[in-house]
Amino acid sequence: MAKKRRTKKQLSPEQAALLANLLPAVELTPRIRPRLLLVIPLATGQLLLGLLYHTRKQAWQWRLRVRSATHQDWAHRTHWQQAADVLALATSIQTRQTEFAELARQRGTRAPLRLEFPAQATDEEIVQALWSSLKDVL
């Protein structure tokens, strides 16, 4: 039996540029799906923290990106990790959100912009959520 292929909707040049600006904090492939994105807009750049899920490995990865107009961009990725259980994952997510909110407070900005993506979200739904929320921020 032939496998159905997903037809990809073509992105506008602006949407493609937005996705490129979010790499590596947000990656959108058939295997790697974003689940959470936290954004701290700063006067000289942005701090981006993304939680990604690898569907084949059934594992999670945090990715941090620092974009600055005055310094070289910087990124960090954790290793892919499988959550022991739902509670452990929820605790990890809450801890990272609290740390990121504290970082925002230290930088004198408001609370981070938070975008969540459901497990079954399509590429189009994810791109649309990113576009509508971040087109004016990044």
Protein backbone atom coordinates (compact mmCIF):
# COMPACT_ATOMS: atom_id res chain seq x y z
CA MET A 1 0.00 0.00 0.00
CA ALA A 2 1.42 3.36 -1.02
CA LYS A 3 2.13 5.90 1.67
CA LYS A 4 0.23 9.18 1.40
CA ARG A 5 2.45 12.19 1.01
CA ARG A 6 1.58 15.46 2.66
CA THR A 7 1.28 18.24 0.18
CA LYS A 8 3.06 21.30 1.45
CA LYS A 9 1.43 24.66 1.04
CA GLN A 10 3.85 27.14 -0.44
CA LEU A 11 4.98 29.78 2.03
CA SER A 12 5.02 33.43 1.12
CA PRO A 13 8.52 34.95 0.97
CA GLU A 14 7.75 36.84 4.19
CA GLN A 15 6.70 33.65 6.01
CA ALA A 16 9.79 31.79 4.75
CA ALA A 17 11.97 34.67 5.97
CA LEU A 18 10.26 34.55 9.38
CA LEU A 19 10.94 30.80 9.70
CA ALA A 20 14.56 31.36 8.69
CA ASN A 21 14.88 34.05 11.40
CA LEU A 22 13.61 31.61 14.03
CA LEU A 23 16.12 28.84 13.27
CA PRO A 24 17.34 26.94 15.25
CA ALA A 25 14.83 27.75 18.02
CA VAL A 26 11.99 26.68 15.73
CA GLU A 27 12.39 23.92 13.18
CA LEU A 28 9.49 22.66 11.12
CA THR A 29 10.04 19.31 9.39
CA PRO A 30 7.97 16.13 9.16
CA ARG A 31 10.06 14.63 12.02
CA ILE A 32 10.79 17.70 14.16
CA ARG A 33 7.80 19.66 15.40
CA PRO A 34 7.76 22.79 17.57
CA ARG A 35 5.68 22.54 20.74
CA LEU A 36 6.55 25.74 22.61
CA LEU A 37 8.26 29.02 21.76
CA LEU A 38 9.13 31.78 24.22
CA VAL A 39 10.29 35.13 22.86
CA ILE A 40 11.79 38.08 24.73
CA PRO A 41 12.01 41.11 22.42
CA LEU A 42 14.87 43.44 23.36
CA ALA A 43 15.87 46.87 22.06
CA THR A 44 18.94 45.32 20.40
CA GLY A 45 17.61 41.86 19.43
CA GLN A 46 15.66 38.90 20.77
CA LEU A 47 16.00 35.89 23.01
CA LEU A 48 14.22 32.80 21.67
CA LEU A 49 13.66 29.55 23.57
CA GLY A 50 12.01 26.71 21.70
CA LEU A 51 10.89 23.26 22.79
CA LEU A 52 10.94 20.80 19.91
CA TYR A 53 9.66 17.23 19.66
CA HIS A 54 11.25 14.56 17.46
CA THR A 55 8.50 12.19 16.33
CA ARG A 56 10.76 9.25 15.42
CA LYS A 57 12.90 9.38 18.58
CA GLN A 58 9.94 10.40 20.74
CA ALA A 59 12.25 12.87 22.44
CA TRP A 60 12.33 16.55 23.42
CA GLN A 61 14.99 19.18 22.85
CA TRP A 62 15.38 22.76 24.11
CA ARG A 63 16.94 25.29 21.76
CA LEU A 64 18.03 28.78 22.77
CA ARG A 65 18.90 31.51 20.30
CA VAL A 66 20.21 34.96 21.13
CA ARG A 67 19.89 37.48 18.31
CA SER A 68 21.66 40.77 18.77
CA ALA A 69 22.23 43.84 16.65
CA THR A 70 25.41 44.60 18.57
CA HIS A 71 26.95 41.11 19.00
CA GLN A 72 27.25 37.91 17.01
CA ASP A 73 24.19 35.61 17.15
CA TRP A 74 24.50 32.66 19.52
CA ALA A 75 22.59 29.37 19.80
CA HIS A 76 22.54 26.37 22.13
CA ARG A 77 20.81 22.99 21.86
CA THR A 78 20.33 20.36 24.52
CA HIS A 79 20.60 16.67 23.67
CA TRP A 80 17.41 14.91 22.62
CA GLN A 81 15.83 13.62 25.84
CA GLN A 82 13.02 11.19 26.40
CA ALA A 83 10.74 12.22 29.23
CA ALA A 84 10.34 9.67 32.00
CA ASP A 85 6.66 10.58 32.34
CA VAL A 86 4.22 13.41 31.72
CA LEU A 87 4.79 14.92 35.17
CA ALA A 88 8.58 15.06 34.68
CA LEU A 89 8.13 16.80 31.33
CA ALA A 90 5.62 19.28 32.76
CA THR A 91 8.00 20.07 35.64
CA SER A 92 10.88 20.61 33.21
CA ILE A 93 8.79 22.92 31.04
CA GLN A 94 7.60 24.92 34.06
CA THR A 95 11.17 25.29 35.34
CA ARG A 96 12.44 26.56 31.97
CA GLN A 97 9.51 29.00 31.66
CA THR A 98 10.19 30.38 35.13
CA GLU A 99 13.90 30.79 34.35
CA PHE A 100 13.11 32.51 31.05
CA ALA A 101 10.59 34.84 32.71
CA GLU A 102 13.23 35.75 35.31
CA LEU A 103 15.69 36.50 32.51
CA ALA A 104 13.09 38.77 30.90
CA ARG A 105 12.58 40.56 34.21
CA GLN A 106 16.34 41.04 34.62
CA ARG A 107 16.50 42.54 31.14
CA GLY A 108 13.75 44.98 32.06
CA THR A 109 11.19 43.62 29.64
CA ARG A 110 7.69 42.34 30.08
CA ALA A 111 6.86 38.66 30.35
CA PRO A 112 7.97 36.56 27.37
CA LEU A 113 5.64 36.07 24.45
CA ARG A 114 4.48 32.45 24.62
CA LEU A 115 3.33 30.33 21.68
CA GLU A 116 2.19 26.74 22.12
CA PHE A 117 1.59 24.29 19.29
CA PRO A 118 -0.60 21.20 19.68
CA ALA A 119 0.86 17.82 18.76
CA GLN A 120 -1.43 17.48 15.73
CA ALA A 121 -0.91 21.01 14.42
CA THR A 122 -0.30 21.17 10.68
CA ASP A 123 2.57 23.06 9.10
CA GLU A 124 0.11 25.68 7.90
CA GLU A 125 -1.36 26.17 11.39
CA ILE A 126 2.10 26.53 12.93
CA VAL A 127 3.30 29.00 10.30
CA GLN A 128 0.09 31.02 10.61
CA ALA A 129 0.41 31.21 14.42
CA LEU A 130 4.06 32.29 14.13
CA TRP A 131 3.24 34.82 11.42
CA SER A 132 0.31 36.41 13.24
CA SER A 133 2.18 36.59 16.57
CA LEU A 134 5.72 37.47 15.51
CA LYS A 135 5.63 39.38 12.23
CA ASP A 136 5.89 42.71 14.08
CA VAL A 137 8.22 41.48 16.85
CA LEU A 138 11.12 40.06 14.83
